């Protein structure tokens, strides 16, 4: 049991999980010879919802890259649509 969990009073909390996730937790628990609840407690302890400065910088760089790439794709699609319009116009005159 994790150190922080050992110092606190345990409360029961029913949770809903898809069968595939239950199977995965059961497998981990069996391999590590711990309880299902211990695997869940360790997963919660390992989860860090706070972003570091590095995480924020990476996310910002990713967002910038996605915006730039999306703009480039839109320009290419616009050019293709223009060529298609020209081709259609040319075919209609024949």
PDB file of N, CA and C in Angstrom:
ATOM      1  N   UNK A   1       0.845  -1.177   0.000  1.00  0.00           N
ATOM      2  CA  UNK A   1       0.000   0.000   0.000  1.00  0.00           C
ATOM      3  C   UNK A   1       0.885   1.233   0.000  1.00  0.00           C
ATOM      4  N   UNK A   2       0.461   2.265  -0.709  1.00  0.00           N
ATOM      5  CA  UNK A   2       1.273   3.469  -0.793  1.00  0.00           C
ATOM      6  C   UNK A   2       1.346   4.154   0.559  1.00  0.00           C
ATOM      7  N   UNK A   3       2.416   4.902   0.760  1.00  0.00           N
ATOM      8  CA  UNK A   3       2.642   5.551   2.045  1.00  0.00           C
ATOM      9  C   UNK A   3       1.522   6.499   2.422  1.00  0.00           C
ATOM     10  N   UNK A   4       1.094   7.346   1.485  1.00  0.00           N
ATOM     11  CA  UNK A   4       0.041   8.307   1.800  1.00  0.00           C
ATOM     12  C   UNK A   4      -1.262   7.600   2.120  1.00  0.00           C
ATOM     13  N   UNK A   5      -1.551   6.495   1.433  1.00  0.00           N
ATOM     14  CA  UNK A   5      -2.779   5.755   1.686  1.00  0.00           C
ATOM     15  C   UNK A   5      -2.734   5.055   3.035  1.00  0.00           C
ATOM     16  N   UNK A   6      -1.554   4.638   3.489  1.00  0.00           N
ATOM     17  CA  UNK A   6      -1.439   3.960   4.772  1.00  0.00           C
ATOM     18  C   UNK A   6      -1.774   4.883   5.929  1.00  0.00           C
ATOM     19  N   UNK A   7      -1.517   6.167   5.775  1.00  0.00           N
ATOM     20  CA  UNK A   7      -1.742   7.116   6.870  1.00  0.00           C
ATOM     21  C   UNK A   7      -3.186   7.604   6.948  1.00  0.00           C
ATOM     22  N   UNK A   8      -3.967   7.349   5.909  1.00  0.00           N
ATOM     23  CA  UNK A   8      -5.329   7.849   5.877  1.00  0.00           C
ATOM     24  C   UNK A   8      -6.335   6.744   6.137  1.00  0.00           C
ATOM     25  N   UNK A   9      -7.498   7.143   6.665  1.00  0.00           N
ATOM     26  CA  UNK A   9      -8.592   6.207   6.846  1.00  0.00           C
ATOM     27  C   UNK A   9      -9.145   5.856   5.476  1.00  0.00           C
ATOM     28  N   UNK A  10      -9.379   4.587   5.255  1.00  0.00           N
ATOM     29  CA  UNK A  10      -9.892   4.148   3.962  1.00  0.00           C
ATOM     30  C   UNK A  10     -11.408   4.304   3.927  1.00  0.00           C
ATOM     31  N   UNK A  11     -11.902   4.748   2.783  1.00  0.00           N
ATOM     32  CA  UNK A  11     -13.335   4.850   2.539  1.00  0.00           C
ATOM     33  C   UNK A  11     -13.659   3.999   1.321  1.00  0.00           C
ATOM     34  N   UNK A  12     -14.834   3.419   1.316  1.00  0.00           N
ATOM     35  CA  UNK A  12     -15.260   2.603   0.174  1.00  0.00           C
ATOM     36  C   UNK A  12     -15.917   3.505  -0.857  1.00  0.00           C
ATOM     37  N   UNK A  13     -15.534   3.317  -2.115  1.00  0.00           N
ATOM     38  CA  UNK A  13     -16.103   4.109  -3.207  1.00  0.00           C
ATOM     39  C   UNK A  13     -16.307   3.184  -4.407  1.00  0.00           C
ATOM     40  N   UNK A  14     -17.565   2.847  -4.712  1.00  0.00           N
ATOM     41  CA  UNK A  14     -17.795   2.013  -5.895  1.00  0.00           C
ATOM     42  C   UNK A  14     -17.473   2.814  -7.160  1.00  0.00           C
ATOM     43  N   UNK A  15     -16.844   2.149  -8.121  1.00  0.00           N
ATOM     44  CA  UNK A  15     -16.530   2.817  -9.379  1.00  0.00           C
ATOM     45  C   UNK A  15     -17.014   1.950 -10.528  1.00  0.00           C
ATOM     46  N   UNK A  16     -17.311   2.593 -11.644  1.00  0.00           N
ATOM     47  CA  UNK A  16     -17.708   1.869 -12.849  1.00  0.00           C
ATOM     48  C   UNK A  16     -16.543   1.907 -13.826  1.00  0.00           C
ATOM     49  N   UNK A  17     -16.248   0.738 -14.396  1.00  0.00           N
ATOM     50  CA  UNK A  17     -15.168   0.625 -15.371  1.00  0.00           C
ATOM     51  C   UNK A  17     -15.623  -0.326 -16.457  1.00  0.00           C
ATOM     52  N   UNK A  18     -15.153  -0.096 -17.682  1.00  0.00           N
ATOM     53  CA  UNK A  18     -15.464  -1.073 -18.732  1.00  0.00           C
ATOM     54  C   UNK A  18     -14.755  -2.397 -18.431  1.00  0.00           C
ATOM     55  N   UNK A  19     -15.349  -3.503 -18.882  1.00  0.00           N
ATOM     56  CA  UNK A  19     -14.746  -4.817 -18.604  1.00  0.00           C
ATOM     57  C   UNK A  19     -13.288  -4.929 -19.026  1.00  0.00           C
ATOM     58  N   UNK A  20     -12.928  -4.312 -20.137  1.00  0.00           N
ATOM     59  CA  UNK A  20     -11.534  -4.403 -20.593  1.00  0.00           C
ATOM     60  C   UNK A  20     -10.578  -3.749 -19.597  1.00  0.00           C
ATOM     61  N   UNK A  21     -11.023  -2.653 -18.984  1.00  0.00           N
ATOM     62  CA  UNK A  21     -10.183  -1.974 -17.997  1.00  0.00           C
ATOM     63  C   UNK A  21     -10.096  -2.800 -16.714  1.00  0.00           C
ATOM     64  N   UNK A  22     -11.205  -3.416 -16.341  1.00  0.00           N
ATOM     65  CA  UNK A  22     -11.199  -4.283 -15.154  1.00  0.00           C
ATOM     66  C   UNK A  22     -10.237  -5.440 -15.372  1.00  0.00           C
ATOM     67  N   UNK A  23     -10.291  -6.037 -16.575  1.00  0.00           N
ATOM     68  CA  UNK A  23      -9.373  -7.138 -16.890  1.00  0.00           C
ATOM     69  C   UNK A  23      -7.918  -6.681 -16.799  1.00  0.00           C
ATOM     70  N   UNK A  24      -7.658  -5.480 -17.299  1.00  0.00           N
ATOM     71  CA  UNK A  24      -6.290  -4.953 -17.276  1.00  0.00           C
ATOM     72  C   UNK A  24      -5.815  -4.748 -15.839  1.00  0.00           C
ATOM     73  N   UNK A  25      -6.665  -4.162 -14.998  1.00  0.00           N
ATOM     74  CA  UNK A  25      -6.284  -3.937 -13.593  1.00  0.00           C
ATOM     75  C   UNK A  25      -6.110  -5.270 -12.881  1.00  0.00           C
ATOM     76  N   UNK A  26      -7.017  -6.220 -13.133  1.00  0.00           N
ATOM     77  CA  UNK A  26      -6.885  -7.552 -12.525  1.00  0.00           C
ATOM     78  C   UNK A  26      -5.559  -8.200 -12.910  1.00  0.00           C
ATOM     79  N   UNK A  27      -5.192  -8.091 -14.182  1.00  0.00           N
ATOM     80  CA  UNK A  27      -3.934  -8.682 -14.654  1.00  0.00           C
ATOM     81  C   UNK A  27      -2.741  -8.042 -13.938  1.00  0.00           C
ATOM     82  N   UNK A  28      -2.752  -6.717 -13.842  1.00  0.00           N
ATOM     83  CA  UNK A  28      -1.661  -6.009 -13.153  1.00  0.00           C
ATOM     84  C   UNK A  28      -1.596  -6.442 -11.689  1.00  0.00           C
ATOM     85  N   UNK A  29      -2.759  -6.502 -11.047  1.00  0.00           N
ATOM     86  CA  UNK A  29      -2.816  -6.891  -9.626  1.00  0.00           C
ATOM     87  C   UNK A  29      -2.279  -8.303  -9.430  1.00  0.00           C
ATOM     88  N   UNK A  30      -2.685  -9.219 -10.297  1.00  0.00           N
ATOM     89  CA  UNK A  30      -2.208 -10.609 -10.184  1.00  0.00           C
ATOM     90  C   UNK A  30      -0.714 -10.712 -10.406  1.00  0.00           C
ATOM     91  N   UNK A  31      -0.208 -10.008 -11.412  1.00  0.00           N
ATOM     92  CA  UNK A  31       1.227 -10.047 -11.696  1.00  0.00           C
ATOM     93  C   UNK A  31       2.049  -9.482 -10.534  1.00  0.00           C
ATOM     94  N   UNK A  32       1.523  -8.425  -9.920  1.00  0.00           N
ATOM     95  CA  UNK A  32       2.262  -7.765  -8.838  1.00  0.00           C
ATOM     96  C   UNK A  32       1.909  -8.328  -7.467  1.00  0.00           C
ATOM     97  N   UNK A  33       0.930  -9.245  -7.441  1.00  0.00           N
ATOM     98  CA  UNK A  33       0.469  -9.870  -6.187  1.00  0.00           C
ATOM     99  C   UNK A  33      -0.006  -8.828  -5.172  1.00  0.00           C
ATOM    100  N   UNK A  34      -0.825  -7.898  -5.685  1.00  0.00           N
ATOM    101  CA  UNK A  34      -1.454  -6.893  -4.827  1.00  0.00           C
ATOM    102  C   UNK A  34      -2.943  -6.880  -5.157  1.00  0.00           C
ATOM    103  N   UNK A  35      -3.703  -6.128  -4.384  1.00  0.00           N
ATOM    104  CA  UNK A  35      -5.143  -6.074  -4.616  1.00  0.00           C
ATOM    105  C   UNK A  35      -5.490  -5.148  -5.785  1.00  0.00           C
ATOM    106  N   UNK A  36      -6.695  -5.341  -6.279  1.00  0.00           N
ATOM    107  CA  UNK A  36      -7.235  -4.477  -7.324  1.00  0.00           C
ATOM    108  C   UNK A  36      -7.207  -3.033  -6.836  1.00  0.00           C
ATOM    109  N   UNK A  37      -7.649  -2.820  -5.610  1.00  0.00           N
ATOM    110  CA  UNK A  37      -7.702  -1.467  -5.040  1.00  0.00           C
ATOM    111  C   UNK A  37      -6.318  -0.838  -4.955  1.00  0.00           C
ATOM    112  N   UNK A  38      -5.305  -1.633  -4.647  1.00  0.00           N
ATOM    113  CA  UNK A  38      -3.947  -1.098  -4.560  1.00  0.00           C
ATOM    114  C   UNK A  38      -3.460  -0.600  -5.915  1.00  0.00           C
ATOM    115  N   UNK A  39      -3.783  -1.334  -6.974  1.00  0.00           N
ATOM    116  CA  UNK A  39      -3.403  -0.896  -8.314  1.00  0.00           C
ATOM    117  C   UNK A  39      -4.072   0.441  -8.618  1.00  0.00           C
ATOM    118  N   UNK A  40      -5.355   0.568  -8.291  1.00  0.00           N
ATOM    119  CA  UNK A  40      -6.080   1.819  -8.531  1.00  0.00           C
ATOM    120  C   UNK A  40      -5.468   2.949  -7.703  1.00  0.00           C
ATOM    121  N   UNK A  41      -5.170   2.686  -6.417  1.00  0.00           N
ATOM    122  CA  UNK A  41      -4.568   3.724  -5.561  1.00  0.00           C
ATOM    123  C   UNK A  41      -3.226   4.185  -6.129  1.00  0.00           C
ATOM    124  N   UNK A  42      -2.397   3.239  -6.579  1.00  0.00           N
ATOM    125  CA  UNK A  42      -1.092   3.598  -7.128  1.00  0.00           C
ATOM    126  C   UNK A  42      -1.243   4.397  -8.419  1.00  0.00           C
ATOM    127  N   UNK A  43      -2.224   4.052  -9.224  1.00  0.00           N
ATOM    128  CA  UNK A  43      -2.454   4.800 -10.462  1.00  0.00           C
ATOM    129  C   UNK A  43      -2.872   6.234 -10.149  1.00  0.00           C
ATOM    130  N   UNK A  44      -3.730   6.388  -9.156  1.00  0.00           N
ATOM    131  CA  UNK A  44      -4.164   7.734  -8.769  1.00  0.00           C
ATOM    132  C   UNK A  44      -2.996   8.523  -8.204  1.00  0.00           C
ATOM    133  N   UNK A  45      -2.179   7.883  -7.379  1.00  0.00           N
ATOM    134  CA  UNK A  45      -0.999   8.565  -6.825  1.00  0.00           C
ATOM    135  C   UNK A  45      -0.020   8.978  -7.928  1.00  0.00           C
ATOM    136  N   UNK A  46       0.091   8.151  -8.966  1.00  0.00           N
ATOM    137  CA  UNK A  46       1.033   8.439 -10.050  1.00  0.00           C
ATOM    138  C   UNK A  46       0.527   9.544 -10.969  1.00  0.00           C
ATOM    139  N   UNK A  47      -0.775   9.762 -10.975  1.00  0.00           N
ATOM    140  CA  UNK A  47      -1.355  10.777 -11.860  1.00  0.00           C
ATOM    141  C   UNK A  47      -1.027  12.161 -11.329  1.00  0.00           C
ATOM    142  N   UNK A  48      -0.500  13.005 -12.236  1.00  0.00           N
ATOM    143  CA  UNK A  48      -0.190  14.383 -11.868  1.00  0.00           C
ATOM    144  C   UNK A  48      -0.921  15.289 -12.832  1.00  0.00           C
ATOM    145  N   UNK A  49      -2.005  15.886 -12.384  1.00  0.00           N
ATOM    146  CA  UNK A  49      -2.814  16.739 -13.240  1.00  0.00           C
ATOM    147  C   UNK A  49      -2.217  18.110 -13.476  1.00  0.00           C
ATOM    148  N   UNK A  50      -1.201  18.465 -12.702  1.00  0.00           N
ATOM    149  CA  UNK A  50      -0.591  19.781 -12.861  1.00  0.00           C
ATOM    150  C   UNK A  50       0.424  19.755 -13.995  1.00  0.00           C
ATOM    151  N   UNK A  51       0.329  20.735 -14.872  1.00  0.00           N
ATOM    152  CA  UNK A  51       1.284  20.835 -15.965  1.00  0.00           C
ATOM    153  C   UNK A  51       2.528  21.576 -15.502  1.00  0.00           C
ATOM    154  N   UNK A  52       3.674  21.084 -15.911  1.00  0.00           N
ATOM    155  CA  UNK A  52       4.914  21.785 -15.618  1.00  0.00           C
ATOM    156  C   UNK A  52       5.104  22.867 -16.675  1.00  0.00           C
ATOM    157  N   UNK A  53       6.058  23.754 -16.443  1.00  0.00           N
ATOM    158  CA  UNK A  53       6.373  24.797 -17.416  1.00  0.00           C
ATOM    159  C   UNK A  53       6.789  24.150 -18.743  1.00  0.00           C
ATOM    160  N   UNK A  54       7.538  23.053 -18.650  1.00  0.00           N
ATOM    161  CA  UNK A  54       7.985  22.350 -19.852  1.00  0.00           C
ATOM    162  C   UNK A  54       6.792  21.769 -20.608  1.00  0.00           C
ATOM    163  N   UNK A  55       5.833  21.183 -19.863  1.00  0.00           N
ATOM    164  CA  UNK A  55       4.635  20.646 -20.495  1.00  0.00           C
ATOM    165  C   UNK A  55       3.862  21.752 -21.213  1.00  0.00           C
ATOM    166  N   UNK A  56       3.708  22.881 -20.550  1.00  0.00           N
ATOM    167  CA  UNK A  56       2.979  23.999 -21.148  1.00  0.00           C
ATOM    168  C   UNK A  56       3.688  24.498 -22.405  1.00  0.00           C
ATOM    169  N   UNK A  57       5.011  24.579 -22.352  1.00  0.00           N
ATOM    170  CA  UNK A  57       5.785  25.028 -23.516  1.00  0.00           C
ATOM    171  C   UNK A  57       5.629  24.036 -24.671  1.00  0.00           C
ATOM    172  N   UNK A  58       5.667  22.739 -24.361  1.00  0.00           N
ATOM    173  CA  UNK A  58       5.487  21.735 -25.395  1.00  0.00           C
ATOM    174  C   UNK A  58       4.092  21.805 -26.006  1.00  0.00           C
ATOM    175  N   UNK A  59       3.086  21.985 -25.159  1.00  0.00           N
ATOM    176  CA  UNK A  59       1.719  22.092 -25.663  1.00  0.00           C
ATOM    177  C   UNK A  59       1.542  23.334 -26.531  1.00  0.00           C
ATOM    178  N   UNK A  60       2.153  24.425 -26.113  1.00  0.00           N
ATOM    179  CA  UNK A  60       2.064  25.659 -26.905  1.00  0.00           C
ATOM    180  C   UNK A  60       2.757  25.476 -28.257  1.00  0.00           C
ATOM    181  N   UNK A  61       3.919  24.836 -28.258  1.00  0.00           N
ATOM    182  CA  UNK A  61       4.636  24.586 -29.510  1.00  0.00           C
ATOM    183  C   UNK A  61       3.821  23.661 -30.408  1.00  0.00           C
ATOM    184  N   UNK A  62       3.198  22.661 -29.811  1.00  0.00           N
ATOM    185  CA  UNK A  62       2.361  21.744 -30.581  1.00  0.00           C
ATOM    186  C   UNK A  62       1.174  22.495 -31.187  1.00  0.00           C
ATOM    187  N   UNK A  63       0.534  23.338 -30.390  1.00  0.00           N
ATOM    188  CA  UNK A  63      -0.604  24.120 -30.886  1.00  0.00           C
ATOM    189  C   UNK A  63      -0.164  25.035 -32.028  1.00  0.00           C
ATOM    190  N   UNK A  64       0.977  25.698 -31.862  1.00  0.00           N
ATOM    191  CA  UNK A  64       1.484  26.574 -32.927  1.00  0.00           C
ATOM    192  C   UNK A  64       1.748  25.784 -34.208  1.00  0.00           C
ATOM    193  N   UNK A  65       2.346  24.621 -34.069  1.00  0.00           N
ATOM    194  CA  UNK A  65       2.629  23.778 -35.225  1.00  0.00           C
ATOM    195  C   UNK A  65       1.338  23.334 -35.902  1.00  0.00           C
ATOM    196  N   UNK A  66       0.358  22.953 -35.099  1.00  0.00           N
ATOM    197  CA  UNK A  66      -0.922  22.521 -35.663  1.00  0.00           C
ATOM    198  C   UNK A  66      -1.615  23.667 -36.392  1.00  0.00           C
ATOM    199  N   UNK A  67      -1.562  24.862 -35.828  1.00  0.00           N
ATOM    200  CA  UNK A  67      -2.173  26.032 -36.476  1.00  0.00           C
ATOM    201  C   UNK A  67      -1.474  26.313 -37.805  1.00  0.00           C
ATOM    202  N   UNK A  68      -0.150  26.308 -37.783  1.00  0.00           N
ATOM    203  CA  UNK A  68       0.622  26.567 -39.003  1.00  0.00           C
ATOM    204  C   UNK A  68       0.319  25.511 -40.068  1.00  0.00           C
ATOM    205  N   UNK A  69       0.338  24.260 -39.673  1.00  0.00           N
ATOM    206  CA  UNK A  69       0.073  23.164 -40.607  1.00  0.00           C
ATOM    207  C   UNK A  69      -1.340  23.255 -41.163  1.00  0.00           C
ATOM    208  N   UNK A  70      -2.297  23.566 -40.315  1.00  0.00           N
ATOM    209  CA  UNK A  70      -3.683  23.689 -40.764  1.00  0.00           C
ATOM    210  C   UNK A  70      -3.819  24.810 -41.784  1.00  0.00           C
ATOM    211  N   UNK A  71      -3.155  25.943 -41.536  1.00  0.00           N
ATOM    212  CA  UNK A  71      -3.202  27.049 -42.500  1.00  0.00           C
ATOM    213  C   UNK A  71      -2.608  26.628 -43.841  1.00  0.00           C
ATOM    214  N   UNK A  72      -1.509  25.890 -43.796  1.00  0.00           N
ATOM    215  CA  UNK A  72      -0.874  25.425 -45.032  1.00  0.00           C
ATOM    216  C   UNK A  72      -1.795  24.457 -45.780  1.00  0.00           C
ATOM    217  N   UNK A  73      -2.447  23.582 -45.059  1.00  0.00           N
ATOM    218  CA  UNK A  73      -3.364  22.628 -45.686  1.00  0.00           C
ATOM    219  C   UNK A  73      -4.542  23.361 -46.318  1.00  0.00           C
ATOM    220  N   UNK A  74      -5.077  24.351 -45.615  1.00  0.00           N
ATOM    221  CA  UNK A  74      -6.196  25.129 -46.159  1.00  0.00           C
ATOM    222  C   UNK A  74      -5.772  25.826 -47.449  1.00  0.00           C
ATOM    223  N   UNK A  75      -4.570  26.399 -47.480  1.00  0.00           N
ATOM    224  CA  UNK A  75      -4.070  27.046 -48.704  1.00  0.00           C
ATOM    225  C   UNK A  75      -3.976  26.045 -49.850  1.00  0.00           C
ATOM    226  N   UNK A  76      -3.472  24.848 -49.560  1.00  0.00           N
ATOM    227  CA  UNK A  76      -3.342  23.827 -50.595  1.00  0.00           C
ATOM    228  C   UNK A  76      -4.715  23.375 -51.086  1.00  0.00           C
ATOM    229  N   UNK A  77      -5.658  23.225 -50.174  1.00  0.00           N
ATOM    230  CA  UNK A  77      -7.012  22.833 -50.572  1.00  0.00           C
ATOM    231  C   UNK A  77      -7.643  23.927 -51.428  1.00  0.00           C
ATOM    232  N   UNK A  78      -7.443  25.180 -51.037  1.00  0.00           N
ATOM    233  CA  UNK A  78      -7.958  26.294 -51.847  1.00  0.00           C
ATOM    234  C   UNK A  78      -7.377  26.265 -53.253  1.00  0.00           C
ATOM    235  N   UNK A  79      -6.080  25.999 -53.372  1.00  0.00           N
ATOM    236  CA  UNK A  79      -5.425  25.933 -54.684  1.00  0.00           C
ATOM    237  C   UNK A  79      -5.988  24.774 -55.501  1.00  0.00           C
ATOM    238  N   UNK A  80      -6.211  23.649 -54.871  1.00  0.00           N
ATOM    239  CA  UNK A  80      -6.774  22.487 -55.565  1.00  0.00           C
ATOM    240  C   UNK A  80      -8.196  22.803 -56.034  1.00  0.00           C
ATOM    241  N   UNK A  81      -8.990  23.436 -55.170  1.00  0.00           N
ATOM    242  CA  UNK A  81     -10.357  23.804 -55.561  1.00  0.00           C
ATOM    243  C   UNK A  81     -10.344  24.765 -56.749  1.00  0.00           C
ATOM    244  N   UNK A  82      -9.418  25.693 -56.741  1.00  0.00           N
ATOM    245  CA  UNK A  82      -9.298  26.640 -57.849  1.00  0.00           C
ATOM    246  C   UNK A  82      -8.968  25.895 -59.151  1.00  0.00           C
ATOM    247  N   UNK A  83      -8.021  24.966 -59.070  1.00  0.00           N
ATOM    248  CA  UNK A  83      -7.658  24.185 -60.266  1.00  0.00           C
ATOM    249  C   UNK A  83      -8.829  23.331 -60.732  1.00  0.00           C
ATOM    250  N   UNK A  84      -9.577  22.765 -59.779  1.00  0.00           N
ATOM    251  CA  UNK A  84     -10.738  21.966 -60.154  1.00  0.00           C
ATOM    252  C   UNK A  84     -11.795  22.834 -60.845  1.00  0.00           C
ATOM    253  N   UNK A  85     -12.020  24.036 -60.305  1.00  0.00           N
ATOM    254  CA  UNK A  85     -12.978  24.960 -60.926  1.00  0.00           C
ATOM    255  C   UNK A  85     -12.548  25.291 -62.352  1.00  0.00           C
ATOM    256  N   UNK A  86     -11.257  25.554 -62.541  1.00  0.00           N
ATOM    257  CA  UNK A  86     -10.732  25.860 -63.878  1.00  0.00           C
ATOM    258  C   UNK A  86     -10.914  24.667 -64.813  1.00  0.00           C
ATOM    259  N   UNK A  87     -10.645  23.476 -64.292  1.00  0.00           N
ATOM    260  CA  UNK A  87     -10.789  22.262 -65.096  1.00  0.00           C
ATOM    261  C   UNK A  87     -12.255  22.045 -65.478  1.00  0.00           C
ATOM    262  N   UNK A  88     -13.156  22.216 -64.529  1.00  0.00           N
ATOM    263  CA  UNK A  88     -14.584  22.061 -64.806  1.00  0.00           C
ATOM    264  C   UNK A  88     -15.047  23.071 -65.853  1.00  0.00           C
ATOM    265  N   UNK A  89     -14.601  24.296 -65.707  1.00  0.00           N
ATOM    266  CA  UNK A  89     -14.983  25.344 -66.671  1.00  0.00           C
ATOM    267  C   UNK A  89     -14.471  24.984 -68.056  1.00  0.00           C
ATOM    268  N   UNK A  90     -13.242  24.491 -68.116  1.00  0.00           N
ATOM    269  CA  UNK A  90     -12.652  24.121 -69.388  1.00  0.00           C
ATOM    270  C   UNK A  90     -13.418  22.938 -70.016  1.00  0.00           C
ATOM    271  N   UNK A  91     -13.801  21.966 -69.216  1.00  0.00           N
ATOM    272  CA  UNK A  91     -14.529  20.812 -69.709  1.00  0.00           C
ATOM    273  C   UNK A  91     -15.939  21.179 -70.165  1.00  0.00           C
ATOM    274  N   UNK A  92     -16.540  22.159 -69.519  1.00  0.00           N
ATOM    275  CA  UNK A  92     -17.899  22.585 -69.883  1.00  0.00           C
ATOM    276  C   UNK A  92     -17.926  23.282 -71.239  1.00  0.00           C
ATOM    277  N   UNK A  93     -16.823  23.922 -71.595  1.00  0.00           N
ATOM    278  CA  UNK A  93     -16.776  24.633 -72.883  1.00  0.00           C
ATOM    279  C   UNK A  93     -16.542  23.692 -74.050  1.00  0.00           C
ATOM    280  N   UNK A  94     -16.132  22.482 -73.802  1.00  0.00           N
ATOM    281  CA  UNK A  94     -15.841  21.514 -74.883  1.00  0.00           C
ATOM    282  C   UNK A  94     -17.087  20.814 -75.333  1.00  0.00           C
TER     283      UNK A  94
END
